[in-house]
Amino acid sequence: MLTADVNEVHKMIDSVCTRVRNIYSMLQAGFNKVILITPYLPVFDGYDEAYIEKAHLVGKVFNEQLKSIPNVTYLELHPNLNSKEDFINHIEPSKIGSEKIASLIEKVVRR
């Protein structure tokens, strides 16, 4: 996705978001509360700055599109997972990152 041009990236994001909307609609029919967890933006330590900017732009555009789904409880991970210690291999949540995710989910579920 990061090697595609901007128009192709937006088409891919639109396609994924359409599928997420459809899945969310199906889930709403069967559950009282559905929480949509937005993807986090990984810390790409050691990567080219242009690559990091493009990756984060794709993530931000995707997250904004997800927020356009009506009647959704959102849990945004990026404000809480934003340091090198939160990740293993640049993109996978570390023990620390996983604990942060679990804590955030618990707070939303208890609301």
PDB file of N, CA and C in Angstrom:
ATOM      1  N   MET A   1       0.824  -1.187   0.000  1.00  0.00           N
ATOM      2  CA  MET A   1       0.000   0.000   0.000  1.00  0.00           C
ATOM      3  C   MET A   1       0.872   1.256   0.000  1.00  0.00           C
ATOM      4  N   LEU A   2       1.989   1.208   0.681  1.00  0.00           N
ATOM      5  CA  LEU A   2       2.822   2.408   0.792  1.00  0.00           C
ATOM      6  C   LEU A   2       3.537   2.753  -0.503  1.00  0.00           C
ATOM      7  N   THR A   3       3.585   1.812  -1.438  1.00  0.00           N
ATOM      8  CA  THR A   3       4.225   2.104  -2.722  1.00  0.00           C
ATOM      9  C   THR A   3       3.214   2.592  -3.754  1.00  0.00           C
ATOM     10  N   ALA A   4       1.930   2.538  -3.444  1.00  0.00           N
ATOM     11  CA  ALA A   4       0.885   2.981  -4.373  1.00  0.00           C
ATOM     12  C   ALA A   4       0.816   4.501  -4.390  1.00  0.00           C
ATOM     13  N   ASP A   5       0.231   5.052  -5.476  1.00  0.00           N
ATOM     14  CA  ASP A   5       0.054   6.504  -5.512  1.00  0.00           C
ATOM     15  C   ASP A   5      -1.118   6.885  -4.605  1.00  0.00           C
ATOM     16  N   VAL A   6      -1.268   8.167  -4.350  1.00  0.00           N
ATOM     17  CA  VAL A   6      -2.243   8.668  -3.391  1.00  0.00           C
ATOM     18  C   VAL A   6      -3.670   8.232  -3.742  1.00  0.00           C
ATOM     19  N   ASN A   7      -4.045   8.298  -5.012  1.00  0.00           N
ATOM     20  CA  ASN A   7      -5.395   7.897  -5.408  1.00  0.00           C
ATOM     21  C   ASN A   7      -5.642   6.419  -5.132  1.00  0.00           C
ATOM     22  N   GLU A   8      -4.657   5.589  -5.418  1.00  0.00           N
ATOM     23  CA  GLU A   8      -4.791   4.152  -5.159  1.00  0.00           C
ATOM     24  C   GLU A   8      -4.903   3.885  -3.657  1.00  0.00           C
ATOM     25  N   VAL A   9      -4.136   4.609  -2.867  1.00  0.00           N
ATOM     26  CA  VAL A   9      -4.204   4.449  -1.411  1.00  0.00           C
ATOM     27  C   VAL A   9      -5.606   4.783  -0.925  1.00  0.00           C
ATOM     28  N   HIS A  10      -6.171   5.877  -1.404  1.00  0.00           N
ATOM     29  CA  HIS A  10      -7.521   6.261  -0.987  1.00  0.00           C
ATOM     30  C   HIS A  10      -8.553   5.226  -1.432  1.00  0.00           C
ATOM     31  N   LYS A  11      -8.398   4.672  -2.615  1.00  0.00           N
ATOM     32  CA  LYS A  11      -9.321   3.620  -3.078  1.00  0.00           C
ATOM     33  C   LYS A  11      -9.239   2.394  -2.178  1.00  0.00           C
ATOM     34  N   MET A  12      -8.018   2.006  -1.803  1.00  0.00           N
ATOM     35  CA  MET A  12      -7.847   0.853  -0.921  1.00  0.00           C
ATOM     36  C   MET A  12      -8.468   1.120   0.451  1.00  0.00           C
ATOM     37  N   ILE A  13      -8.233   2.307   0.978  1.00  0.00           N
ATOM     38  CA  ILE A  13      -8.797   2.667   2.279  1.00  0.00           C
ATOM     39  C   ILE A  13     -10.317   2.673   2.201  1.00  0.00           C
ATOM     40  N   ASP A  14     -10.880   3.254   1.140  1.00  0.00           N
ATOM     41  CA  ASP A  14     -12.340   3.268   0.960  1.00  0.00           C
ATOM     42  C   ASP A  14     -12.896   1.853   0.935  1.00  0.00           C
ATOM     43  N   SER A  15     -12.221   0.967   0.240  1.00  0.00           N
ATOM     44  CA  SER A  15     -12.670  -0.419   0.131  1.00  0.00           C
ATOM     45  C   SER A  15     -12.693  -1.100   1.501  1.00  0.00           C
ATOM     46  N   VAL A  16     -11.630  -0.938   2.256  1.00  0.00           N
ATOM     47  CA  VAL A  16     -11.554  -1.553   3.586  1.00  0.00           C
ATOM     48  C   VAL A  16     -12.613  -0.954   4.507  1.00  0.00           C
ATOM     49  N   CYS A  17     -12.776   0.358   4.477  1.00  0.00           N
ATOM     50  CA  CYS A  17     -13.754   1.017   5.344  1.00  0.00           C
ATOM     51  C   CYS A  17     -15.185   0.598   4.991  1.00  0.00           C
ATOM     52  N   THR A  18     -15.459   0.382   3.728  1.00  0.00           N
ATOM     53  CA  THR A  18     -16.785  -0.100   3.327  1.00  0.00           C
ATOM     54  C   THR A  18     -17.037  -1.470   3.957  1.00  0.00           C
ATOM     55  N   ARG A  19     -16.050  -2.327   3.917  1.00  0.00           N
ATOM     56  CA  ARG A  19     -16.199  -3.651   4.542  1.00  0.00           C
ATOM     57  C   ARG A  19     -16.378  -3.532   6.050  1.00  0.00           C
ATOM     58  N   VAL A  20     -15.636  -2.633   6.682  1.00  0.00           N
ATOM     59  CA  VAL A  20     -15.774  -2.436   8.132  1.00  0.00           C
ATOM     60  C   VAL A  20     -17.179  -1.942   8.452  1.00  0.00           C
ATOM     61  N   ARG A  21     -17.700  -0.995   7.667  1.00  0.00           N
ATOM     62  CA  ARG A  21     -19.069  -0.501   7.888  1.00  0.00           C
ATOM     63  C   ARG A  21     -20.086  -1.637   7.792  1.00  0.00           C
ATOM     64  N   ASN A  22     -19.928  -2.493   6.787  1.00  0.00           N
ATOM     65  CA  ASN A  22     -20.853  -3.614   6.611  1.00  0.00           C
ATOM     66  C   ASN A  22     -20.785  -4.585   7.785  1.00  0.00           C
ATOM     67  N   ILE A  23     -19.589  -4.889   8.235  1.00  0.00           N
ATOM     68  CA  ILE A  23     -19.420  -5.786   9.385  1.00  0.00           C
ATOM     69  C   ILE A  23     -20.021  -5.143  10.629  1.00  0.00           C
ATOM     70  N   TYR A  24     -19.771  -3.866  10.813  1.00  0.00           N
ATOM     71  CA  TYR A  24     -20.302  -3.167  11.979  1.00  0.00           C
ATOM     72  C   TYR A  24     -21.830  -3.191  11.971  1.00  0.00           C
ATOM     73  N   SER A  25     -22.440  -2.987  10.813  1.00  0.00           N
ATOM     74  CA  SER A  25     -23.903  -3.037  10.714  1.00  0.00           C
ATOM     75  C   SER A  25     -24.432  -4.406  11.128  1.00  0.00           C
ATOM     76  N   MET A  26     -23.771  -5.469  10.705  1.00  0.00           N
ATOM     77  CA  MET A  26     -24.192  -6.814  11.090  1.00  0.00           C
ATOM     78  C   MET A  26     -24.031  -7.020  12.599  1.00  0.00           C
ATOM     79  N   LEU A  27     -22.944  -6.527  13.163  1.00  0.00           N
ATOM     80  CA  LEU A  27     -22.707  -6.696  14.593  1.00  0.00           C
ATOM     81  C   LEU A  27     -23.718  -5.924  15.433  1.00  0.00           C
ATOM     82  N   GLN A  28     -24.090  -4.730  14.980  1.00  0.00           N
ATOM     83  CA  GLN A  28     -25.051  -3.916  15.719  1.00  0.00           C
ATOM     84  C   GLN A  28     -26.366  -4.650  15.922  1.00  0.00           C
ATOM     85  N   ALA A  29     -26.753  -5.475  14.971  1.00  0.00           N
ATOM     86  CA  ALA A  29     -28.016  -6.195  15.056  1.00  0.00           C
ATOM     87  C   ALA A  29     -27.991  -7.249  16.161  1.00  0.00           C
ATOM     88  N   GLY A  30     -26.821  -7.755  16.509  1.00  0.00           N
ATOM     89  CA  GLY A  30     -26.753  -8.854  17.461  1.00  0.00           C
ATOM     90  C   GLY A  30     -26.171  -8.531  18.823  1.00  0.00           C
ATOM     91  N   PHE A  31     -25.594  -7.355  18.988  1.00  0.00           N
ATOM     92  CA  PHE A  31     -24.935  -7.025  20.244  1.00  0.00           C
ATOM     93  C   PHE A  31     -25.393  -5.661  20.746  1.00  0.00           C
ATOM     94  N   ASN A  32     -25.403  -5.500  22.080  1.00  0.00           N
ATOM     95  CA  ASN A  32     -25.775  -4.220  22.672  1.00  0.00           C
ATOM     96  C   ASN A  32     -24.706  -3.153  22.471  1.00  0.00           C
ATOM     97  N   LYS A  33     -23.452  -3.568  22.536  1.00  0.00           N
ATOM     98  CA  LYS A  33     -22.359  -2.602  22.454  1.00  0.00           C
ATOM     99  C   LYS A  33     -21.245  -3.173  21.589  1.00  0.00           C
ATOM    100  N   VAL A  34     -20.869  -2.440  20.570  1.00  0.00           N
ATOM    101  CA  VAL A  34     -19.750  -2.827  19.720  1.00  0.00           C
ATOM    102  C   VAL A  34     -18.729  -1.703  19.787  1.00  0.00           C
ATOM    103  N   ILE A  35     -17.495  -2.060  20.030  1.00  0.00           N
ATOM    104  CA  ILE A  35     -16.412  -1.084  20.136  1.00  0.00           C
ATOM    105  C   ILE A  35     -15.502  -1.250  18.930  1.00  0.00           C
ATOM    106  N   LEU A  36     -15.246  -0.147  18.258  1.00  0.00           N
ATOM    107  CA  LEU A  36     -14.336  -0.162  17.114  1.00  0.00           C
ATOM    108  C   LEU A  36     -12.996   0.394  17.581  1.00  0.00           C
ATOM    109  N   ILE A  37     -11.979  -0.446  17.524  1.00  0.00           N
ATOM    110  CA  ILE A  37     -10.639  -0.036  17.934  1.00  0.00           C
ATOM    111  C   ILE A  37      -9.877   0.401  16.691  1.00  0.00           C
ATOM    112  N   THR A  38      -9.508   1.660  16.654  1.00  0.00           N
ATOM    113  CA  THR A  38      -8.781   2.163  15.493  1.00  0.00           C
ATOM    114  C   THR A  38      -7.344   1.660  15.525  1.00  0.00           C
ATOM    115  N   PRO A  39      -6.782   1.392  14.354  1.00  0.00           N
ATOM    116  CA  PRO A  39      -5.390   0.935  14.327  1.00  0.00           C
ATOM    117  C   PRO A  39      -4.440   1.993  14.886  1.00  0.00           C
ATOM    118  N   TYR A  40      -3.406   1.522  15.536  1.00  0.00           N
ATOM    119  CA  TYR A  40      -2.368   2.422  16.034  1.00  0.00           C
ATOM    120  C   TYR A  40      -1.406   2.748  14.901  1.00  0.00           C
ATOM    121  N   LEU A  41      -0.625   3.765  15.092  1.00  0.00           N
ATOM    122  CA  LEU A  41       0.391   4.157  14.116  1.00  0.00           C
ATOM    123  C   LEU A  41       1.738   3.727  14.665  1.00  0.00           C
ATOM    124  N   PRO A  42       2.350   2.709  14.078  1.00  0.00           N
ATOM    125  CA  PRO A  42       3.602   2.167  14.618  1.00  0.00           C
ATOM    126  C   PRO A  42       4.734   3.191  14.663  1.00  0.00           C
ATOM    127  N   VAL A  43       5.673   2.927  15.545  1.00  0.00           N
ATOM    128  CA  VAL A  43       6.905   3.705  15.632  1.00  0.00           C
ATOM    129  C   VAL A  43       7.927   2.970  14.770  1.00  0.00           C
ATOM    130  N   PHE A  44       8.274   3.550  13.634  1.00  0.00           N
ATOM    131  CA  PHE A  44       9.199   2.909  12.693  1.00  0.00           C
ATOM    132  C   PHE A  44      10.620   3.372  12.965  1.00  0.00           C
ATOM    133  N   ASP A  45      11.180   2.919  14.048  1.00  0.00           N
ATOM    134  CA  ASP A  45      12.534   3.315  14.416  1.00  0.00           C
ATOM    135  C   ASP A  45      13.529   2.818  13.368  1.00  0.00           C
ATOM    136  N   GLY A  46      14.315   3.733  12.825  1.00  0.00           N
ATOM    137  CA  GLY A  46      15.334   3.371  11.863  1.00  0.00           C
ATOM    138  C   GLY A  46      14.882   3.399  10.417  1.00  0.00           C
ATOM    139  N   TYR A  47      13.630   3.683  10.167  1.00  0.00           N
ATOM    140  CA  TYR A  47      13.133   3.760   8.785  1.00  0.00           C
ATOM    141  C   TYR A  47      13.305   5.166   8.235  1.00  0.00           C
ATOM    142  N   ASP A  48      13.294   5.273   6.927  1.00  0.00           N
ATOM    143  CA  ASP A  48      13.370   6.543   6.230  1.00  0.00           C
ATOM    144  C   ASP A  48      12.190   7.430   6.646  1.00  0.00           C
ATOM    145  N   GLU A  49      12.459   8.692   6.886  1.00  0.00           N
ATOM    146  CA  GLU A  49      11.428   9.634   7.355  1.00  0.00           C
ATOM    147  C   GLU A  49      10.242   9.732   6.385  1.00  0.00           C
ATOM    148  N   ALA A  50      10.510   9.711   5.090  1.00  0.00           N
ATOM    149  CA  ALA A  50       9.424   9.788   4.103  1.00  0.00           C
ATOM    150  C   ALA A  50       8.516   8.565   4.208  1.00  0.00           C
ATOM    151  N   TYR A  51       9.103   7.400   4.435  1.00  0.00           N
ATOM    152  CA  TYR A  51       8.331   6.163   4.603  1.00  0.00           C
ATOM    153  C   TYR A  51       7.435   6.264   5.839  1.00  0.00           C
ATOM    154  N   ILE A  52       8.005   6.755   6.927  1.00  0.00           N
ATOM    155  CA  ILE A  52       7.252   6.897   8.173  1.00  0.00           C
ATOM    156  C   ILE A  52       6.087   7.863   7.981  1.00  0.00           C
ATOM    157  N   GLU A  53       6.348   8.992   7.338  1.00  0.00           N
ATOM    158  CA  GLU A  53       5.287   9.980   7.101  1.00  0.00           C
ATOM    159  C   GLU A  53       4.158   9.393   6.261  1.00  0.00           C
ATOM    160  N   LYS A  54       4.512   8.648   5.216  1.00  0.00           N
ATOM    161  CA  LYS A  54       3.487   8.053   4.361  1.00  0.00           C
ATOM    162  C   LYS A  54       2.692   7.001   5.127  1.00  0.00           C
ATOM    163  N   ALA A  55       3.378   6.174   5.909  1.00  0.00           N
ATOM    164  CA  ALA A  55       2.693   5.148   6.707  1.00  0.00           C
ATOM    165  C   ALA A  55       1.730   5.788   7.696  1.00  0.00           C
ATOM    166  N   HIS A  56       2.162   6.838   8.361  1.00  0.00           N
ATOM    167  CA  HIS A  56       1.301   7.514   9.326  1.00  0.00           C
ATOM    168  C   HIS A  56       0.140   8.226   8.633  1.00  0.00           C
ATOM    169  N   LEU A  57       0.380   8.775   7.466  1.00  0.00           N
ATOM    170  CA  LEU A  57      -0.702   9.421   6.716  1.00  0.00           C
ATOM    171  C   LEU A  57      -1.775   8.398   6.348  1.00  0.00           C
ATOM    172  N   VAL A  58      -1.356   7.227   5.874  1.00  0.00           N
ATOM    173  CA  VAL A  58      -2.316   6.169   5.533  1.00  0.00           C
ATOM    174  C   VAL A  58      -3.116   5.793   6.776  1.00  0.00           C
ATOM    175  N   GLY A  59      -2.431   5.615   7.894  1.00  0.00           N
ATOM    176  CA  GLY A  59      -3.121   5.273   9.141  1.00  0.00           C
ATOM    177  C   GLY A  59      -4.095   6.340   9.588  1.00  0.00           C
ATOM    178  N   LYS A  60      -3.699   7.593   9.485  1.00  0.00           N
ATOM    179  CA  LYS A  60      -4.572   8.697   9.904  1.00  0.00           C
ATOM    180  C   LYS A  60      -5.797   8.811   8.997  1.00  0.00           C
ATOM    181  N   VAL A  61      -5.596   8.687   7.689  1.00  0.00           N
ATOM    182  CA  VAL A  61      -6.729   8.750   6.751  1.00  0.00           C
ATOM    183  C   VAL A  61      -7.693   7.595   7.039  1.00  0.00           C
ATOM    184  N   PHE A  62      -7.160   6.403   7.248  1.00  0.00           N
ATOM    185  CA  PHE A  62      -7.981   5.240   7.559  1.00  0.00           C
ATOM    186  C   PHE A  62      -8.767   5.461   8.847  1.00  0.00           C
ATOM    187  N   ASN A  63      -8.107   5.937   9.901  1.00  0.00           N
ATOM    188  CA  ASN A  63      -8.784   6.177  11.168  1.00  0.00           C
ATOM    189  C   ASN A  63      -9.883   7.232  11.025  1.00  0.00           C
ATOM    190  N   GLU A  64      -9.628   8.284  10.269  1.00  0.00           N
ATOM    191  CA  GLU A  64     -10.657   9.318  10.067  1.00  0.00           C
ATOM    192  C   GLU A  64     -11.870   8.757   9.322  1.00  0.00           C
ATOM    193  N   GLN A  65     -11.623   7.899   8.351  1.00  0.00           N
ATOM    194  CA  GLN A  65     -12.739   7.272   7.629  1.00  0.00           C
ATOM    195  C   GLN A  65     -13.544   6.389   8.571  1.00  0.00           C
ATOM    196  N   LEU A  66     -12.869   5.661   9.451  1.00  0.00           N
ATOM    197  CA  LEU A  66     -13.591   4.817  10.399  1.00  0.00           C
ATOM    198  C   LEU A  66     -14.496   5.656  11.295  1.00  0.00           C
ATOM    199  N   LYS A  67     -14.033   6.843  11.649  1.00  0.00           N
ATOM    200  CA  LYS A  67     -14.817   7.716  12.527  1.00  0.00           C
ATOM    201  C   LYS A  67     -16.088   8.226  11.862  1.00  0.00           C
ATOM    202  N   SER A  68     -16.198   8.054  10.543  1.00  0.00           N
ATOM    203  CA  SER A  68     -17.413   8.498   9.857  1.00  0.00           C
ATOM    204  C   SER A  68     -18.557   7.496   9.992  1.00  0.00           C
ATOM    205  N   ILE A  69     -18.293   6.333  10.581  1.00  0.00           N
ATOM    206  CA  ILE A  69     -19.346   5.341  10.801  1.00  0.00           C
ATOM    207  C   ILE A  69     -20.211   5.835  11.960  1.00  0.00           C
ATOM    208  N   PRO A  70     -21.520   5.968  11.745  1.00  0.00           N
ATOM    209  CA  PRO A  70     -22.390   6.517  12.794  1.00  0.00           C
ATOM    210  C   PRO A  70     -22.614   5.538  13.953  1.00  0.00           C
ATOM    211  N   ASN A  71     -22.903   6.106  15.121  1.00  0.00           N
ATOM    212  CA  ASN A  71     -23.275   5.340  16.313  1.00  0.00           C
ATOM    213  C   ASN A  71     -22.223   4.305  16.724  1.00  0.00           C
ATOM    214  N   VAL A  72     -20.987   4.709  16.726  1.00  0.00           N
ATOM    215  CA  VAL A  72     -19.896   3.799  17.051  1.00  0.00           C
ATOM    216  C   VAL A  72     -19.172   4.289  18.301  1.00  0.00           C
ATOM    217  N   THR A  73     -18.807   3.355  19.165  1.00  0.00           N
ATOM    218  CA  THR A  73     -17.913   3.662  20.274  1.00  0.00           C
ATOM    219  C   THR A  73     -16.498   3.385  19.773  1.00  0.00           C
ATOM    220  N   TYR A  74     -15.659   4.394  19.794  1.00  0.00           N
ATOM    221  CA  TYR A  74     -14.293   4.272  19.280  1.00  0.00           C
ATOM    222  C   TYR A  74     -13.296   4.200  20.413  1.00  0.00           C
ATOM    223  N   LEU A  75     -12.267   3.452  20.163  1.00  0.00           N
ATOM    224  CA  LEU A  75     -11.133   3.404  21.059  1.00  0.00           C
ATOM    225  C   LEU A  75      -9.909   3.684  20.202  1.00  0.00           C
ATOM    226  N   GLU A  76      -9.342   4.861  20.376  1.00  0.00           N
ATOM    227  CA  GLU A  76      -8.160   5.232  19.590  1.00  0.00           C
ATOM    228  C   GLU A  76      -6.909   4.799  20.332  1.00  0.00           C
ATOM    229  N   LEU A  77      -6.095   4.010  19.659  1.00  0.00           N
ATOM    230  CA  LEU A  77      -4.888   3.489  20.288  1.00  0.00           C
ATOM    231  C   LEU A  77      -3.683   4.409  20.138  1.00  0.00           C
ATOM    232  N   HIS A  78      -3.621   5.158  19.044  1.00  0.00           N
ATOM    233  CA  HIS A  78      -2.400   5.918  18.770  1.00  0.00           C
ATOM    234  C   HIS A  78      -1.995   6.895  19.877  1.00  0.00           C
ATOM    235  N   PRO A  79      -2.916   7.632  20.465  1.00  0.00           N
ATOM    236  CA  PRO A  79      -2.458   8.553  21.520  1.00  0.00           C
ATOM    237  C   PRO A  79      -1.795   7.838  22.702  1.00  0.00           C
ATOM    238  N   ASN A  80      -2.076   6.547  22.852  1.00  0.00           N
ATOM    239  CA  ASN A  80      -1.530   5.796  23.978  1.00  0.00           C
ATOM    240  C   ASN A  80      -0.374   4.872  23.601  1.00  0.00           C
ATOM    241  N   LEU A  81      -0.266   4.525  22.344  1.00  0.00           N
ATOM    242  CA  LEU A  81       0.831   3.692  21.862  1.00  0.00           C
ATOM    243  C   LEU A  81       1.666   4.546  20.909  1.00  0.00           C
ATOM    244  N   ASN A  82       2.636   5.242  21.444  1.00  0.00           N
ATOM    245  CA  ASN A  82       3.375   6.175  20.611  1.00  0.00           C
ATOM    246  C   ASN A  82       4.861   6.264  20.940  1.00  0.00           C
ATOM    247  N   SER A  83       5.348   5.267  21.684  1.00  0.00           N
ATOM    248  CA  SER A  83       6.784   5.280  21.980  1.00  0.00           C
ATOM    249  C   SER A  83       7.419   3.959  21.549  1.00  0.00           C
ATOM    250  N   LYS A  84       8.704   3.969  21.389  1.00  0.00           N
ATOM    251  CA  LYS A  84       9.457   2.799  20.945  1.00  0.00           C
ATOM    252  C   LYS A  84       9.211   1.605  21.878  1.00  0.00           C
ATOM    253  N   GLU A  85       9.051   1.851  23.164  1.00  0.00           N
ATOM    254  CA  GLU A  85       8.850   0.791  24.148  1.00  0.00           C
ATOM    255  C   GLU A  85       7.504   0.087  23.984  1.00  0.00           C
ATOM    256  N   ASP A  86       6.585   0.708  23.267  1.00  0.00           N
ATOM    257  CA  ASP A  86       5.260   0.124  23.067  1.00  0.00           C
ATOM    258  C   ASP A  86       5.242  -0.947  21.981  1.00  0.00           C
ATOM    259  N   PHE A  87       6.340  -1.094  21.245  1.00  0.00           N
ATOM    260  CA  PHE A  87       6.372  -1.991  20.092  1.00  0.00           C
ATOM    261  C   PHE A  87       7.576  -2.928  20.096  1.00  0.00           C
ATOM    262  N   ILE A  88       7.381  -4.056  19.409  1.00  0.00           N
ATOM    263  CA  ILE A  88       8.449  -5.002  19.096  1.00  0.00           C
ATOM    264  C   ILE A  88       8.502  -5.052  17.573  1.00  0.00           C
ATOM    265  N   ASN A  89       9.684  -5.069  17.005  1.00  0.00           N
ATOM    266  CA  ASN A  89       9.834  -5.114  15.542  1.00  0.00           C
ATOM    267  C   ASN A  89       9.055  -3.998  14.841  1.00  0.00           C
ATOM    268  N   HIS A  90       9.029  -2.846  15.439  1.00  0.00           N
ATOM    269  CA  HIS A  90       8.454  -1.623  14.873  1.00  0.00           C
ATOM    270  C   HIS A  90       6.928  -1.582  14.833  1.00  0.00           C
ATOM    271  N   ILE A  91       6.245  -2.728  14.715  1.00  0.00           N
ATOM    272  CA  ILE A  91       4.792  -2.678  14.512  1.00  0.00           C
ATOM    273  C   ILE A  91       3.979  -3.526  15.484  1.00  0.00           C
ATOM    274  N   GLU A  92       4.573  -4.525  16.090  1.00  0.00           N
ATOM    275  CA  GLU A  92       3.818  -5.396  16.995  1.00  0.00           C
ATOM    276  C   GLU A  92       3.855  -4.826  18.407  1.00  0.00           C
ATOM    277  N   PRO A  93       2.694  -4.789  19.077  1.00  0.00           N
ATOM    278  CA  PRO A  93       2.706  -4.287  20.456  1.00  0.00           C
ATOM    279  C   PRO A  93       3.611  -5.146  21.351  1.00  0.00           C
ATOM    280  N   SER A  94       4.393  -4.477  22.150  1.00  0.00           N
ATOM    281  CA  SER A  94       5.255  -5.154  23.121  1.00  0.00           C
ATOM    282  C   SER A  94       4.405  -5.516  24.339  1.00  0.00           C
ATOM    283  N   LYS A  95       5.049  -6.067  25.361  1.00  0.00           N
ATOM    284  CA  LYS A  95       4.331  -6.353  26.614  1.00  0.00           C
ATOM    285  C   LYS A  95       3.747  -5.065  27.173  1.00  0.00           C
ATOM    286  N   ILE A  96       4.536  -4.004  27.158  1.00  0.00           N
ATOM    287  CA  ILE A  96       4.067  -2.708  27.650  1.00  0.00           C
ATOM    288  C   ILE A  96       2.898  -2.216  26.794  1.00  0.00           C
ATOM    289  N   GLY A  97       3.050  -2.263  25.456  1.00  0.00           N
ATOM    290  CA  GLY A  97       1.986  -1.834  24.558  1.00  0.00           C
ATOM    291  C   GLY A  97       0.726  -2.673  24.722  1.00  0.00           C
ATOM    292  N   SER A  98       0.897  -3.968  24.873  1.00  0.00           N
ATOM    293  CA  SER A  98      -0.254  -4.870  25.057  1.00  0.00           C
ATOM    294  C   SER A  98      -0.990  -4.567  26.351  1.00  0.00           C
ATOM    295  N   GLU A  99      -0.245  -4.263  27.397  1.00  0.00           N
ATOM    296  CA  GLU A  99      -0.879  -3.903  28.668  1.00  0.00           C
ATOM    297  C   GLU A  99      -1.669  -2.603  28.531  1.00  0.00           C
ATOM    298  N   LYS A 100      -1.143  -1.654  27.766  1.00  0.00           N
ATOM    299  CA  LYS A 100      -1.866  -0.403  27.531  1.00  0.00           C
ATOM    300  C   LYS A 100      -3.167  -0.668  26.770  1.00  0.00           C
ATOM    301  N   ILE A 101      -3.103  -1.522  25.740  1.00  0.00           N
ATOM    302  CA  ILE A 101      -4.299  -1.851  24.961  1.00  0.00           C
ATOM    303  C   ILE A 101      -5.338  -2.517  25.857  1.00  0.00           C
ATOM    304  N   ALA A 102      -4.916  -3.493  26.656  1.00  0.00           N
ATOM    305  CA  ALA A 102      -5.846  -4.191  27.546  1.00  0.00           C
ATOM    306  C   ALA A 102      -6.489  -3.231  28.533  1.00  0.00           C
ATOM    307  N   SER A 103      -5.718  -2.317  29.077  1.00  0.00           N
ATOM    308  CA  SER A 103      -6.246  -1.335  30.026  1.00  0.00           C
ATOM    309  C   SER A 103      -7.282  -0.420  29.363  1.00  0.00           C
ATOM    310  N   LEU A 104      -6.996   0.014  28.139  1.00  0.00           N
ATOM    311  CA  LEU A 104      -7.941   0.876  27.418  1.00  0.00           C
ATOM    312  C   LEU A 104      -9.240   0.140  27.111  1.00  0.00           C
ATOM    313  N   ILE A 105      -9.133  -1.106  26.692  1.00  0.00           N
ATOM    314  CA  ILE A 105     -10.337  -1.897  26.402  1.00  0.00           C
ATOM    315  C   ILE A 105     -11.158  -2.071  27.673  1.00  0.00           C
ATOM    316  N   GLU A 106     -10.491  -2.363  28.772  1.00  0.00           N
ATOM    317  CA  GLU A 106     -11.204  -2.543  30.041  1.00  0.00           C
ATOM    318  C   GLU A 106     -11.971  -1.268  30.417  1.00  0.00           C
ATOM    319  N   LYS A 107     -11.358  -0.111  30.241  1.00  0.00           N
ATOM    320  CA  LYS A 107     -12.021   1.154  30.581  1.00  0.00           C
ATOM    321  C   LYS A 107     -13.274   1.362  29.723  1.00  0.00           C
ATOM    322  N   VAL A 108     -13.180   1.062  28.432  1.00  0.00           N
ATOM    323  CA  VAL A 108     -14.324   1.254  27.544  1.00  0.00           C
ATOM    324  C   VAL A 108     -15.436   0.264  27.874  1.00  0.00           C
ATOM    325  N   VAL A 109     -15.090  -0.967  28.156  1.00  0.00           N
ATOM    326  CA  VAL A 109     -16.094  -1.990  28.460  1.00  0.00           C
ATOM    327  C   VAL A 109     -16.825  -1.657  29.760  1.00  0.00           C
ATOM    328  N   ARG A 110     -16.121  -1.108  30.708  1.00  0.00           N
ATOM    329  CA  ARG A 110     -16.731  -0.782  32.018  1.00  0.00           C
ATOM    330  C   ARG A 110     -17.622   0.458  31.973  1.00  0.00           C
ATOM    331  N   ARG A 111     -17.550   1.237  30.910  1.00  0.00           N
ATOM    332  CA  ARG A 111     -18.379   2.458  30.817  1.00  0.00           C
ATOM    333  C   ARG A 111     -19.832   2.129  30.807  1.00  0.00           C
TER     334      ARG A 111
END
